[in-house]
Amino acid sequence: MGSELAKTLLEEGHTVAVVDTDPVACQYAREKIGVMAFEGSAVNTTVLIEAGIRKADAVIAALREDALNLALATLSKHHGVPQIIVRMHDRDFAEPYRLAGATHIISTVDLAITRIVNAIEYPQVDAMMHFEQGQVEVLKLSIPQNCNIVGRSVAAIAQDPRFPAGTLIIGYQAHPQDDLTIPNGSTILESGSTILAVTKPHFVRQIIDFMGLCS
């Protein structure tokens, strides 16, 4: 995970430093990914300072144990890092992470469970993200040829009484190779396109039924 994350961040234009106790992993990071790599413990202050923690905009604690991630979060806060992102294995660490200064807590278990449940409950949804502790859902939906909304404008869909109130279509991609755009009321939804919709959790099934995706 660490190497793939470093590669992705580098591609996004970030300056990345990796800290790892494994010299082979450090060599791989330098030679294959092209990031700075520092051999040593990520909870060793000397190593962290050498890696540039005092100038870091963010620290990602993705170690194998929550106790180590907790220590790294504490040290990061001590050195004034504004964004402290931790990978949580055990939910019991959620409150300790917050107290230690973590700004983002990502539970790999919860993410996996949510993705699996969503795949079972809503196989028609390409992707689903939760916000505000699950109070808001963002859905990615493909529009097949037989979908009820093909050929209709965003405004017409929003005015349809069967369309869930408060739901918004916030993104539109006409074709897979096209950029995602922000639609307006006159945007016509084509077959084979993709939309992003924001809604409440209890409206997800209603949106799927409205679009005719169940068939």
N, C-alpha and C. Protein backbone atom coordinates (compact mmCIF):
# COMPACT_ATOMS: atom_id res chain seq x y z
N MET A 1 0.83 -1.20 0.00
CA MET A 1 0.00 0.00 0.00
C MET A 1 0.86 1.26 0.00
N GLY A 2 1.91 1.25 0.80
CA GLY A 2 2.75 2.44 0.91
C GLY A 2 3.39 2.82 -0.41
N SER A 3 3.91 1.84 -1.13
CA SER A 3 4.58 2.14 -2.40
C SER A 3 3.60 2.63 -3.45
N GLU A 4 2.42 2.01 -3.50
CA GLU A 4 1.40 2.44 -4.47
C GLU A 4 0.90 3.85 -4.14
N LEU A 5 0.76 4.13 -2.85
CA LEU A 5 0.33 5.46 -2.43
C LEU A 5 1.38 6.51 -2.79
N ALA A 6 2.65 6.18 -2.54
CA ALA A 6 3.73 7.10 -2.88
C ALA A 6 3.76 7.37 -4.38
N LYS A 7 3.57 6.32 -5.17
CA LYS A 7 3.57 6.47 -6.63
C LYS A 7 2.43 7.38 -7.08
N THR A 8 1.25 7.17 -6.51
CA THR A 8 0.08 7.97 -6.89
C THR A 8 0.26 9.43 -6.51
N LEU A 9 0.77 9.68 -5.32
CA LEU A 9 0.98 11.06 -4.87
C LEU A 9 2.03 11.76 -5.72
N LEU A 10 3.07 11.02 -6.09
CA LEU A 10 4.11 11.59 -6.95
C LEU A 10 3.51 11.98 -8.30
N GLU A 11 2.66 11.12 -8.86
CA GLU A 11 2.02 11.41 -10.15
C GLU A 11 1.11 12.63 -10.06
N GLU A 12 0.59 12.90 -8.85
CA GLU A 12 -0.28 14.06 -8.65
C GLU A 12 0.52 15.35 -8.42
N GLY A 13 1.85 15.23 -8.42
CA GLY A 13 2.69 16.41 -8.31
C GLY A 13 3.21 16.72 -6.93
N HIS A 14 3.04 15.79 -5.99
CA HIS A 14 3.51 16.02 -4.63
C HIS A 14 4.99 15.60 -4.49
N THR A 15 5.66 16.21 -3.54
CA THR A 15 7.00 15.77 -3.14
C THR A 15 6.81 14.77 -2.02
N VAL A 16 7.35 13.58 -2.19
CA VAL A 16 7.05 12.47 -1.28
C VAL A 16 8.33 11.94 -0.64
N ALA A 17 8.26 11.70 0.66
CA ALA A 17 9.34 11.03 1.39
C ALA A 17 8.76 9.79 2.07
N VAL A 18 9.41 8.66 1.88
CA VAL A 18 8.98 7.40 2.47
C VAL A 18 9.93 7.03 3.60
N VAL A 19 9.35 6.55 4.71
CA VAL A 19 10.15 6.04 5.82
C VAL A 19 9.79 4.57 6.02
N ASP A 20 10.78 3.70 6.00
CA ASP A 20 10.52 2.26 6.15
C ASP A 20 11.73 1.60 6.80
N THR A 21 11.48 0.60 7.63
CA THR A 21 12.57 -0.14 8.28
C THR A 21 13.22 -1.14 7.33
N ASP A 22 12.55 -1.45 6.22
CA ASP A 22 13.05 -2.44 5.28
C ASP A 22 13.93 -1.76 4.23
N PRO A 23 15.23 -2.09 4.19
CA PRO A 23 16.11 -1.46 3.21
C PRO A 23 15.74 -1.78 1.77
N VAL A 24 15.16 -2.96 1.55
CA VAL A 24 14.73 -3.34 0.20
C VAL A 24 13.58 -2.45 -0.26
N ALA A 25 12.65 -2.18 0.67
CA ALA A 25 11.51 -1.31 0.34
C ALA A 25 11.99 0.10 0.04
N CYS A 26 12.98 0.57 0.78
CA CYS A 26 13.54 1.90 0.54
C CYS A 26 14.23 1.98 -0.82
N GLN A 27 14.97 0.94 -1.15
CA GLN A 27 15.65 0.91 -2.44
C GLN A 27 14.64 0.90 -3.58
N TYR A 28 13.57 0.13 -3.41
CA TYR A 28 12.51 0.07 -4.42
C TYR A 28 11.87 1.45 -4.60
N ALA A 29 11.61 2.12 -3.48
CA ALA A 29 10.98 3.44 -3.53
C ALA A 29 11.85 4.44 -4.28
N ARG A 30 13.16 4.37 -4.05
CA ARG A 30 14.08 5.30 -4.72
C ARG A 30 14.22 4.99 -6.21
N GLU A 31 14.48 3.72 -6.51
CA GLU A 31 14.86 3.33 -7.87
C GLU A 31 13.66 3.11 -8.80
N LYS A 32 12.59 2.55 -8.27
CA LYS A 32 11.44 2.20 -9.11
C LYS A 32 10.34 3.26 -9.12
N ILE A 33 10.19 3.96 -7.99
CA ILE A 33 9.12 4.96 -7.91
C ILE A 33 9.68 6.36 -8.13
N GLY A 34 10.89 6.61 -7.60
CA GLY A 34 11.52 7.92 -7.77
C GLY A 34 11.22 8.90 -6.67
N VAL A 35 10.97 8.38 -5.45
CA VAL A 35 10.73 9.26 -4.31
C VAL A 35 11.90 9.16 -3.34
N MET A 36 11.99 10.10 -2.42
CA MET A 36 12.99 10.02 -1.36
C MET A 36 12.59 8.92 -0.38
N ALA A 37 13.56 8.16 0.10
CA ALA A 37 13.27 7.08 1.04
C ALA A 37 14.32 7.09 2.15
N PHE A 38 13.84 6.94 3.38
CA PHE A 38 14.71 7.00 4.56
C PHE A 38 14.52 5.71 5.35
N GLU A 39 15.63 5.00 5.52
CA GLU A 39 15.59 3.72 6.24
C GLU A 39 15.60 3.97 7.74
N GLY A 40 14.62 3.38 8.42
CA GLY A 40 14.54 3.54 9.86
C GLY A 40 13.11 3.49 10.34
N SER A 41 12.93 3.67 11.62
CA SER A 41 11.60 3.62 12.22
C SER A 41 10.86 4.94 12.01
N ALA A 42 9.59 4.84 11.64
CA ALA A 42 8.77 6.03 11.44
C ALA A 42 8.35 6.68 12.75
N VAL A 43 8.71 6.07 13.87
CA VAL A 43 8.42 6.70 15.17
C VAL A 43 9.72 7.10 15.86
N ASN A 44 10.78 7.21 15.06
CA ASN A 44 12.06 7.70 15.55
C ASN A 44 12.19 9.16 15.14
N THR A 45 12.31 10.04 16.12
CA THR A 45 12.33 11.47 15.86
C THR A 45 13.46 11.87 14.92
N THR A 46 14.64 11.28 15.10
CA THR A 46 15.79 11.61 14.25
C THR A 46 15.50 11.30 12.80
N VAL A 47 14.91 10.13 12.56
CA VAL A 47 14.58 9.71 11.19
C VAL A 47 13.52 10.64 10.60
N LEU A 48 12.53 10.98 11.39
CA LEU A 48 11.46 11.85 10.89
C LEU A 48 11.98 13.24 10.53
N ILE A 49 12.86 13.77 11.36
CA ILE A 49 13.43 15.08 11.07
C ILE A 49 14.27 15.03 9.79
N GLU A 50 15.03 13.96 9.64
CA GLU A 50 15.83 13.78 8.42
C GLU A 50 14.93 13.70 7.19
N ALA A 51 13.77 13.06 7.36
CA ALA A 51 12.85 12.92 6.23
C ALA A 51 12.08 14.21 5.94
N GLY A 52 12.17 15.18 6.83
CA GLY A 52 11.57 16.48 6.57
C GLY A 52 10.23 16.73 7.21
N ILE A 53 9.96 16.08 8.35
CA ILE A 53 8.64 16.23 8.97
C ILE A 53 8.33 17.67 9.36
N ARG A 54 9.36 18.46 9.67
CA ARG A 54 9.12 19.85 10.08
C ARG A 54 8.61 20.72 8.94
N LYS A 55 8.80 20.27 7.69
CA LYS A 55 8.33 21.03 6.53
C LYS A 55 7.15 20.35 5.84
N ALA A 56 6.71 19.23 6.37
CA ALA A 56 5.68 18.44 5.69
C ALA A 56 4.31 19.09 5.79
N ASP A 57 3.58 19.06 4.69
CA ASP A 57 2.18 19.51 4.68
C ASP A 57 1.26 18.41 5.21
N ALA A 58 1.70 17.17 5.07
CA ALA A 58 0.88 16.04 5.52
C ALA A 58 1.77 14.86 5.87
N VAL A 59 1.32 14.08 6.83
CA VAL A 59 1.95 12.80 7.17
C VAL A 59 0.89 11.72 7.08
N ILE A 60 1.23 10.63 6.42
CA ILE A 60 0.32 9.49 6.31
C ILE A 60 0.89 8.34 7.12
N ALA A 61 0.18 7.98 8.18
CA ALA A 61 0.61 6.88 9.04
C ALA A 61 -0.08 5.61 8.57
N ALA A 62 0.65 4.78 7.83
CA ALA A 62 0.08 3.55 7.27
C ALA A 62 0.91 2.34 7.70
N LEU A 63 1.29 2.35 8.98
CA LEU A 63 2.08 1.25 9.52
C LEU A 63 1.20 0.04 9.83
N ARG A 64 1.83 -1.07 10.16
CA ARG A 64 1.08 -2.31 10.33
C ARG A 64 0.32 -2.38 11.65
N GLU A 65 0.71 -1.57 12.62
CA GLU A 65 0.06 -1.62 13.93
C GLU A 65 -0.50 -0.25 14.30
N ASP A 66 -1.68 -0.27 14.91
CA ASP A 66 -2.30 0.98 15.34
C ASP A 66 -1.46 1.71 16.38
N ALA A 67 -0.81 0.96 17.25
CA ALA A 67 -0.01 1.60 18.30
C ALA A 67 1.12 2.43 17.68
N LEU A 68 1.71 1.93 16.61
CA LEU A 68 2.78 2.67 15.93
C LEU A 68 2.20 3.88 15.18
N ASN A 69 1.06 3.68 14.54
CA ASN A 69 0.42 4.81 13.86
C ASN A 69 0.03 5.90 14.86
N LEU A 70 -0.39 5.48 16.05
CA LEU A 70 -0.76 6.45 17.08
C LEU A 70 0.45 7.26 17.52
N ALA A 71 1.58 6.58 17.69
CA ALA A 71 2.81 7.27 18.06
C ALA A 71 3.25 8.24 16.97
N LEU A 72 3.12 7.82 15.71
CA LEU A 72 3.50 8.69 14.59
C LEU A 72 2.58 9.91 14.51
N ALA A 73 1.29 9.70 14.77
CA ALA A 73 0.35 10.82 14.77
C ALA A 73 0.71 11.82 15.87
N THR A 74 1.08 11.33 17.03
CA THR A 74 1.47 12.20 18.15
C THR A 74 2.71 13.01 17.80
N LEU A 75 3.72 12.35 17.22
CA LEU A 75 4.95 13.04 16.83
C LEU A 75 4.68 14.06 15.73
N SER A 76 3.80 13.72 14.81
CA SER A 76 3.47 14.64 13.72
C SER A 76 2.80 15.90 14.24
N LYS A 77 1.90 15.73 15.21
CA LYS A 77 1.25 16.89 15.82
C LYS A 77 2.28 17.75 16.56
N HIS A 78 3.21 17.08 17.24
CA HIS A 78 4.26 17.80 17.97
C HIS A 78 5.09 18.68 17.04
N HIS A 79 5.31 18.18 15.81
CA HIS A 79 6.13 18.92 14.85
C HIS A 79 5.30 19.87 13.98
N GLY A 80 4.02 20.02 14.30
CA GLY A 80 3.18 21.01 13.63
C GLY A 80 2.70 20.64 12.25
N VAL A 81 2.58 19.35 11.96
CA VAL A 81 2.08 18.94 10.64
C VAL A 81 0.58 19.22 10.57
N PRO A 82 0.12 19.98 9.56
CA PRO A 82 -1.29 20.36 9.51
C PRO A 82 -2.25 19.22 9.18
N GLN A 83 -1.83 18.29 8.34
CA GLN A 83 -2.70 17.16 7.99
C GLN A 83 -2.05 15.86 8.46
N ILE A 84 -2.76 15.13 9.30
CA ILE A 84 -2.26 13.85 9.81
C ILE A 84 -3.29 12.78 9.47
N ILE A 85 -2.93 11.92 8.55
CA ILE A 85 -3.85 10.90 8.03
C ILE A 85 -3.38 9.54 8.55
N VAL A 86 -4.28 8.80 9.18
CA VAL A 86 -3.90 7.50 9.74
C VAL A 86 -4.76 6.39 9.15
N ARG A 87 -4.13 5.25 8.94
CA ARG A 87 -4.87 4.05 8.56
C ARG A 87 -5.18 3.26 9.83
N MET A 88 -6.45 3.08 10.11
CA MET A 88 -6.87 2.42 11.35
C MET A 88 -7.24 0.97 11.08
N HIS A 89 -6.69 0.08 11.89
CA HIS A 89 -7.03 -1.33 11.80
C HIS A 89 -8.13 -1.69 12.80
N ASP A 90 -7.97 -1.24 14.03
CA ASP A 90 -8.90 -1.56 15.13
C ASP A 90 -9.72 -0.31 15.47
N ARG A 91 -11.05 -0.46 15.44
CA ARG A 91 -11.94 0.69 15.71
C ARG A 91 -11.74 1.27 17.10
N ASP A 92 -11.20 0.50 18.03
CA ASP A 92 -10.98 1.01 19.39
C ASP A 92 -9.99 2.16 19.42
N PHE A 93 -9.23 2.31 18.33
CA PHE A 93 -8.23 3.37 18.28
C PHE A 93 -8.79 4.69 17.73
N ALA A 94 -10.05 4.71 17.35
CA ALA A 94 -10.61 5.92 16.73
C ALA A 94 -10.49 7.14 17.64
N GLU A 95 -10.91 7.03 18.88
CA GLU A 95 -10.83 8.17 19.79
C GLU A 95 -9.39 8.52 20.15
N PRO A 96 -8.53 7.52 20.47
CA PRO A 96 -7.12 7.87 20.70
C PRO A 96 -6.47 8.58 19.52
N TYR A 97 -6.82 8.19 18.30
CA TYR A 97 -6.28 8.87 17.12
C TYR A 97 -6.71 10.33 17.10
N ARG A 98 -7.98 10.58 17.40
CA ARG A 98 -8.46 11.96 17.41
C ARG A 98 -7.75 12.78 18.48
N LEU A 99 -7.57 12.19 19.65
CA LEU A 99 -6.89 12.89 20.73
C LEU A 99 -5.43 13.16 20.38
N ALA A 100 -4.85 12.27 19.58
CA ALA A 100 -3.45 12.43 19.18
C ALA A 100 -3.26 13.47 18.09
N GLY A 101 -4.38 13.95 17.52
CA GLY A 101 -4.27 14.99 16.51
C GLY A 101 -4.52 14.56 15.08
N ALA A 102 -4.97 13.32 14.88
CA ALA A 102 -5.24 12.86 13.51
C ALA A 102 -6.37 13.68 12.91
N THR A 103 -6.16 14.18 11.71
CA THR A 103 -7.19 14.97 11.03
C THR A 103 -8.08 14.10 10.14
N HIS A 104 -7.56 12.96 9.70
CA HIS A 104 -8.33 12.02 8.89
C HIS A 104 -8.03 10.60 9.39
N ILE A 105 -9.08 9.86 9.72
CA ILE A 105 -8.93 8.48 10.19
C ILE A 105 -9.61 7.57 9.17
N ILE A 106 -8.84 6.71 8.56
CA ILE A 106 -9.36 5.84 7.50
C ILE A 106 -9.30 4.39 7.97
N SER A 107 -10.47 3.79 8.15
CA SER A 107 -10.55 2.40 8.60
C SER A 107 -10.58 1.49 7.39
N THR A 108 -9.54 0.70 7.21
CA THR A 108 -9.50 -0.21 6.07
C THR A 108 -10.59 -1.28 6.18
N VAL A 109 -10.90 -1.69 7.41
CA VAL A 109 -11.96 -2.69 7.61
C VAL A 109 -13.32 -2.11 7.22
N ASP A 110 -13.60 -0.90 7.70
CA ASP A 110 -14.89 -0.27 7.39
C ASP A 110 -15.04 -0.03 5.90
N LEU A 111 -13.95 0.40 5.25
CA LEU A 111 -14.01 0.64 3.82
C LEU A 111 -14.33 -0.64 3.06
N ALA A 112 -13.67 -1.73 3.44
CA ALA A 112 -13.90 -3.00 2.77
C ALA A 112 -15.33 -3.49 2.99
N ILE A 113 -15.79 -3.41 4.25
CA ILE A 113 -17.15 -3.85 4.55
C ILE A 113 -18.17 -3.03 3.77
N THR A 114 -17.99 -1.72 3.75
CA THR A 114 -18.92 -0.84 3.05
C THR A 114 -18.97 -1.16 1.57
N ARG A 115 -17.79 -1.36 0.94
CA ARG A 115 -17.76 -1.67 -0.48
C ARG A 115 -18.45 -3.00 -0.78
N ILE A 116 -18.24 -3.99 0.08
CA ILE A 116 -18.85 -5.30 -0.13
C ILE A 116 -20.36 -5.22 0.01
N VAL A 117 -20.82 -4.56 1.09
CA VAL A 117 -22.26 -4.43 1.31
C VAL A 117 -22.92 -3.66 0.18
N ASN A 118 -22.29 -2.57 -0.26
CA ASN A 118 -22.85 -1.78 -1.36
C ASN A 118 -22.94 -2.60 -2.64
N ALA A 119 -21.93 -3.43 -2.89
CA ALA A 119 -21.93 -4.25 -4.10
C ALA A 119 -23.08 -5.26 -4.08
N ILE A 120 -23.40 -5.74 -2.88
CA ILE A 120 -24.51 -6.70 -2.75
C ILE A 120 -25.86 -5.99 -2.81
N GLU A 121 -25.97 -4.88 -2.08
CA GLU A 121 -27.25 -4.17 -1.99
C GLU A 121 -27.58 -3.41 -3.27
N TYR A 122 -26.57 -2.79 -3.88
CA TYR A 122 -26.80 -1.93 -5.04
C TYR A 122 -25.84 -2.29 -6.18
N PRO A 123 -26.04 -3.44 -6.81
CA PRO A 123 -25.12 -3.83 -7.90
C PRO A 123 -25.18 -2.90 -9.10
N GLN A 124 -26.26 -2.09 -9.21
CA GLN A 124 -26.39 -1.16 -10.34
C GLN A 124 -25.51 0.08 -10.17
N VAL A 125 -25.02 0.34 -8.96
CA VAL A 125 -24.22 1.52 -8.68
C VAL A 125 -22.75 1.22 -8.93
N ASP A 126 -22.11 2.02 -9.77
CA ASP A 126 -20.70 1.79 -10.09
C ASP A 126 -19.81 2.06 -8.88
N ALA A 127 -20.12 3.12 -8.13
CA ALA A 127 -19.34 3.47 -6.94
C ALA A 127 -20.22 4.31 -6.03
N MET A 128 -19.93 4.23 -4.74
CA MET A 128 -20.70 4.98 -3.75
C MET A 128 -19.76 5.46 -2.66
N MET A 129 -19.86 6.74 -2.31
CA MET A 129 -19.04 7.30 -1.25
C MET A 129 -19.94 7.93 -0.20
N HIS A 130 -19.55 7.75 1.07
CA HIS A 130 -20.31 8.30 2.18
C HIS A 130 -19.64 9.58 2.68
N PHE A 131 -20.48 10.54 3.06
CA PHE A 131 -19.98 11.78 3.65
C PHE A 131 -20.81 12.13 4.87
N GLU A 132 -20.18 12.90 5.77
CA GLU A 132 -20.85 13.34 6.99
C GLU A 132 -21.42 12.15 7.76
N GLN A 133 -20.51 11.18 8.05
CA GLN A 133 -20.88 9.99 8.82
C GLN A 133 -22.07 9.25 8.22
N GLY A 134 -22.09 9.16 6.89
CA GLY A 134 -23.13 8.39 6.23
C GLY A 134 -24.44 9.13 6.03
N GLN A 135 -24.47 10.43 6.29
CA GLN A 135 -25.71 11.19 6.11
C GLN A 135 -25.95 11.59 4.66
N VAL A 136 -24.87 11.57 3.85
CA VAL A 136 -24.96 11.95 2.44
C VAL A 136 -24.24 10.89 1.61
N GLU A 137 -24.82 10.55 0.46
CA GLU A 137 -24.20 9.59 -0.44
C GLU A 137 -23.93 10.25 -1.79
N VAL A 138 -22.77 9.95 -2.37
CA VAL A 138 -22.46 10.35 -3.74
C VAL A 138 -22.40 9.07 -4.58
N LEU A 139 -23.24 9.00 -5.59
CA LEU A 139 -23.34 7.80 -6.42
C LEU A 139 -22.78 8.04 -7.80
N LYS A 140 -22.08 7.04 -8.31
CA LYS A 140 -21.65 7.05 -9.71
C LYS A 140 -22.49 6.02 -10.44
N LEU A 141 -23.23 6.47 -11.44
CA LEU A 141 -24.18 5.60 -12.12
C LEU A 141 -23.97 5.65 -13.63
N SER A 142 -23.89 4.48 -14.25
CA SER A 142 -23.83 4.40 -15.70
C SER A 142 -25.26 4.39 -16.25
N ILE A 143 -25.43 5.02 -17.40
CA ILE A 143 -26.76 5.12 -18.01
C ILE A 143 -26.84 4.20 -19.23
N PRO A 144 -27.46 3.03 -19.09
CA PRO A 144 -27.57 2.12 -20.24
C PRO A 144 -28.62 2.61 -21.24
N GLN A 145 -28.71 1.95 -22.37
CA GLN A 145 -29.59 2.40 -23.45
C GLN A 145 -31.05 2.38 -23.03
N ASN A 146 -31.45 1.39 -22.22
CA ASN A 146 -32.85 1.25 -21.85
C ASN A 146 -33.22 2.03 -20.59
N CYS A 147 -32.32 2.91 -20.12
CA CYS A 147 -32.56 3.66 -18.90
C CYS A 147 -33.65 4.72 -19.12
N ASN A 148 -34.47 4.95 -18.11
CA ASN A 148 -35.60 5.88 -18.24
C ASN A 148 -35.18 7.33 -18.45
N ILE A 149 -33.96 7.70 -18.10
CA ILE A 149 -33.57 9.11 -18.18
C ILE A 149 -32.80 9.44 -19.46
N VAL A 150 -32.60 8.46 -20.34
CA VAL A 150 -31.89 8.72 -21.59
C VAL A 150 -32.68 9.72 -22.44
N GLY A 151 -32.01 10.74 -22.94
CA GLY A 151 -32.64 11.73 -23.79
C GLY A 151 -33.37 12.83 -23.04
N ARG A 152 -33.32 12.81 -21.73
CA ARG A 152 -34.01 13.84 -20.94
C ARG A 152 -32.98 14.83 -20.39
N SER A 153 -33.43 16.04 -20.16
CA SER A 153 -32.54 17.05 -19.60
C SER A 153 -32.48 16.92 -18.09
N VAL A 154 -31.42 17.49 -17.50
CA VAL A 154 -31.28 17.46 -16.05
C VAL A 154 -32.44 18.20 -15.39
N ALA A 155 -32.88 19.30 -15.99
CA ALA A 155 -33.99 20.07 -15.44
C ALA A 155 -35.28 19.26 -15.45
N ALA A 156 -35.53 18.55 -16.54
CA ALA A 156 -36.74 17.74 -16.64
C ALA A 156 -36.74 16.61 -15.61
N ILE A 157 -35.57 16.03 -15.40
CA ILE A 157 -35.46 14.96 -14.41
C ILE A 157 -35.72 15.50 -13.01
N ALA A 158 -35.14 16.67 -12.72
CA ALA A 158 -35.30 17.26 -11.38
C ALA A 158 -36.75 17.62 -11.10
N GLN A 159 -37.51 17.95 -12.14
CA GLN A 159 -38.92 18.34 -11.97
C GLN A 159 -39.85 17.15 -11.93
N ASP A 160 -39.36 15.97 -12.26
CA ASP A 160 -40.20 14.77 -12.24
C ASP A 160 -40.55 14.43 -10.80
N PRO A 161 -41.82 14.29 -10.45
CA PRO A 161 -42.22 14.03 -9.06
C PRO A 161 -41.69 12.71 -8.51
N ARG A 162 -41.28 11.79 -9.41
CA ARG A 162 -40.74 10.52 -8.94
C ARG A 162 -39.26 10.62 -8.55
N PHE A 163 -38.61 11.71 -8.98
CA PHE A 163 -37.20 11.90 -8.65
C PHE A 163 -37.10 12.39 -7.21
N PRO A 164 -36.29 11.74 -6.38
CA PRO A 164 -36.24 12.08 -4.94
C PRO A 164 -35.91 13.54 -4.69
N ALA A 165 -36.71 14.18 -3.86
CA ALA A 165 -36.50 15.59 -3.51
C ALA A 165 -35.15 15.78 -2.82
N GLY A 166 -34.45 16.84 -3.21
CA GLY A 166 -33.15 17.12 -2.59
C GLY A 166 -31.99 16.42 -3.24
N THR A 167 -32.26 15.53 -4.18
CA THR A 167 -31.19 14.84 -4.91
C THR A 167 -30.68 15.73 -6.04
N LEU A 168 -29.38 15.78 -6.22
CA LEU A 168 -28.78 16.63 -7.25
C LEU A 168 -27.87 15.80 -8.16
N ILE A 169 -27.90 16.09 -9.45
CA ILE A 169 -26.94 15.51 -10.39
C ILE A 169 -25.80 16.52 -10.50
N ILE A 170 -24.64 16.16 -9.98
CA ILE A 170 -23.54 17.13 -9.88
C ILE A 170 -22.40 16.87 -10.86
N GLY A 171 -22.42 15.74 -11.55
CA GLY A 171 -21.35 15.43 -12.50
C GLY A 171 -21.89 14.67 -13.69
N TYR A 172 -21.27 14.91 -14.86
CA TYR A 172 -21.72 14.24 -16.08
C TYR A 172 -20.52 13.95 -16.97
N GLN A 173 -20.46 12.72 -17.45
CA GLN A 173 -19.41 12.29 -18.37
C GLN A 173 -20.09 11.61 -19.56
N ALA A 174 -20.09 12.29 -20.70
CA ALA A 174 -20.82 11.78 -21.86
C ALA A 174 -20.26 10.47 -22.38
N HIS A 175 -18.93 10.37 -22.38
CA HIS A 175 -18.26 9.16 -22.86
C HIS A 175 -17.08 8.85 -21.95
N PRO A 176 -16.66 7.60 -21.84
CA PRO A 176 -15.57 7.23 -20.93
C PRO A 176 -14.28 8.03 -21.15
N GLN A 177 -14.02 8.44 -22.39
CA GLN A 177 -12.79 9.17 -22.68
C GLN A 177 -12.92 10.66 -22.44
N ASP A 178 -14.13 11.15 -22.16
CA ASP A 178 -14.36 12.57 -21.94
C ASP A 178 -14.08 12.96 -20.49
N ASP A 179 -13.85 14.26 -20.27
CA ASP A 179 -13.69 14.76 -18.91
C ASP A 179 -15.04 14.84 -18.22
N LEU A 180 -15.00 14.72 -16.91
CA LEU A 180 -16.21 14.90 -16.12
C LEU A 180 -16.55 16.38 -16.07
N THR A 181 -17.80 16.73 -16.35
CA THR A 181 -18.23 18.12 -16.34
C THR A 181 -19.33 18.33 -15.31
N ILE A 182 -19.58 19.58 -14.97
CA ILE A 182 -20.69 19.93 -14.09
C ILE A 182 -21.88 20.28 -14.98
N PRO A 183 -22.95 19.51 -14.93
CA PRO A 183 -24.07 19.74 -15.84
C PRO A 183 -24.91 20.94 -15.41
N ASN A 184 -25.66 21.50 -16.36
CA ASN A 184 -26.68 22.50 -16.03
C ASN A 184 -28.05 21.93 -16.39
N GLY A 185 -29.06 22.73 -16.23
CA GLY A 185 -30.41 22.23 -16.46
C GLY A 185 -30.67 21.76 -17.86
N SER A 186 -29.97 22.32 -18.85
CA SER A 186 -30.20 21.96 -20.26
C SER A 186 -29.38 20.76 -20.72
N THR A 187 -28.51 20.23 -19.85
CA THR A 187 -27.68 19.08 -20.23
C THR A 187 -28.57 17.87 -20.51
N ILE A 188 -28.41 17.28 -21.68
CA ILE A 188 -29.18 16.09 -22.06
C ILE A 188 -28.35 14.85 -21.75
N LEU A 189 -28.94 13.92 -21.04
CA LEU A 189 -28.24 12.71 -20.65
C LEU A 189 -28.33 11.66 -21.76
N GLU A 190 -27.16 11.21 -22.21
CA GLU A 190 -27.09 10.28 -23.34
C GLU A 190 -26.90 8.85 -22.86
N SER A 191 -27.26 7.92 -23.71
CA SER A 191 -27.02 6.51 -23.44
C SER A 191 -25.51 6.25 -23.43
N GLY A 192 -25.05 5.48 -22.48
CA GLY A 192 -23.63 5.18 -22.36
C GLY A 192 -22.86 6.19 -21.55
N SER A 193 -23.53 7.22 -21.06
CA SER A 193 -22.86 8.24 -20.25
C SER A 193 -22.84 7.83 -18.78
N THR A 194 -22.21 8.67 -17.96
CA THR A 194 -22.11 8.42 -16.53
C THR A 194 -22.49 9.69 -15.78
N ILE A 195 -23.21 9.53 -14.66
CA ILE A 195 -23.57 10.69 -13.85
C ILE A 195 -23.08 10.49 -12.41
N LEU A 196 -22.87 11.61 -11.72
CA LEU A 196 -22.64 11.61 -10.28
C LEU A 196 -23.85 12.28 -9.64
N ALA A 197 -24.43 11.63 -8.66
CA ALA A 197 -25.61 12.17 -7.98
C ALA A 197 -25.38 12.20 -6.48
N VAL A 198 -25.85 13.28 -5.84
CA VAL A 198 -25.78 13.41 -4.39
C VAL A 198 -27.18 13.22 -3.83
N THR A 199 -27.29 12.38 -2.81
CA THR A 199 -28.60 12.11 -2.23
C THR A 199 -28.48 11.65 -0.80
N LYS A 200 -29.61 11.42 -0.17
CA LYS A 200 -29.65 10.85 1.18
C LYS A 200 -29.66 9.32 1.07
N PRO A 201 -29.12 8.62 2.08
CA PRO A 201 -29.04 7.16 2.00
C PRO A 201 -30.38 6.48 1.71
N HIS A 202 -31.47 6.98 2.29
CA HIS A 202 -32.76 6.31 2.10
C HIS A 202 -33.37 6.56 0.73
N PHE A 203 -32.71 7.39 -0.10
CA PHE A 203 -33.20 7.65 -1.46
C PHE A 203 -32.45 6.84 -2.52
N VAL A 204 -31.43 6.11 -2.14
CA VAL A 204 -30.61 5.39 -3.13
C VAL A 204 -31.47 4.42 -3.94
N ARG A 205 -32.27 3.61 -3.26
CA ARG A 205 -33.11 2.64 -3.96
C ARG A 205 -34.12 3.35 -4.86
N GLN A 206 -34.66 4.47 -4.42
CA GLN A 206 -35.63 5.22 -5.21
C GLN A 206 -35.01 5.75 -6.49
N ILE A 207 -33.75 6.21 -6.42
CA ILE A 207 -33.06 6.70 -7.62
C ILE A 207 -32.87 5.56 -8.62
N ILE A 208 -32.45 4.41 -8.11
CA ILE A 208 -32.24 3.25 -8.98
C ILE A 208 -33.54 2.86 -9.66
N ASP A 209 -34.64 2.83 -8.90
CA ASP A 209 -35.95 2.48 -9.47
C ASP A 209 -36.39 3.52 -10.49
N PHE A 210 -36.17 4.81 -10.17
CA PHE A 210 -36.57 5.88 -11.06
C PHE A 210 -35.85 5.77 -12.41
N MET A 211 -34.59 5.47 -12.37
CA MET A 211 -33.80 5.37 -13.59
C MET A 211 -34.11 4.11 -14.38
N GLY A 212 -34.75 3.16 -13.73
CA GLY A 212 -35.06 1.91 -14.40
C GLY A 212 -33.88 0.98 -14.51
N LEU A 213 -32.96 1.13 -13.55
CA LEU A 213 -31.74 0.31 -13.62
C LEU A 213 -31.96 -1.11 -13.09
N CYS A 214 -33.03 -1.31 -12.34
CA CYS A 214 -33.25 -2.64 -11.76
C CYS A 214 -33.44 -3.70 -12.84
N SER A 215 -34.01 -3.27 -13.99
CA SER A 215 -34.22 -4.24 -15.06
C SER A 215 -32.92 -4.61 -15.74
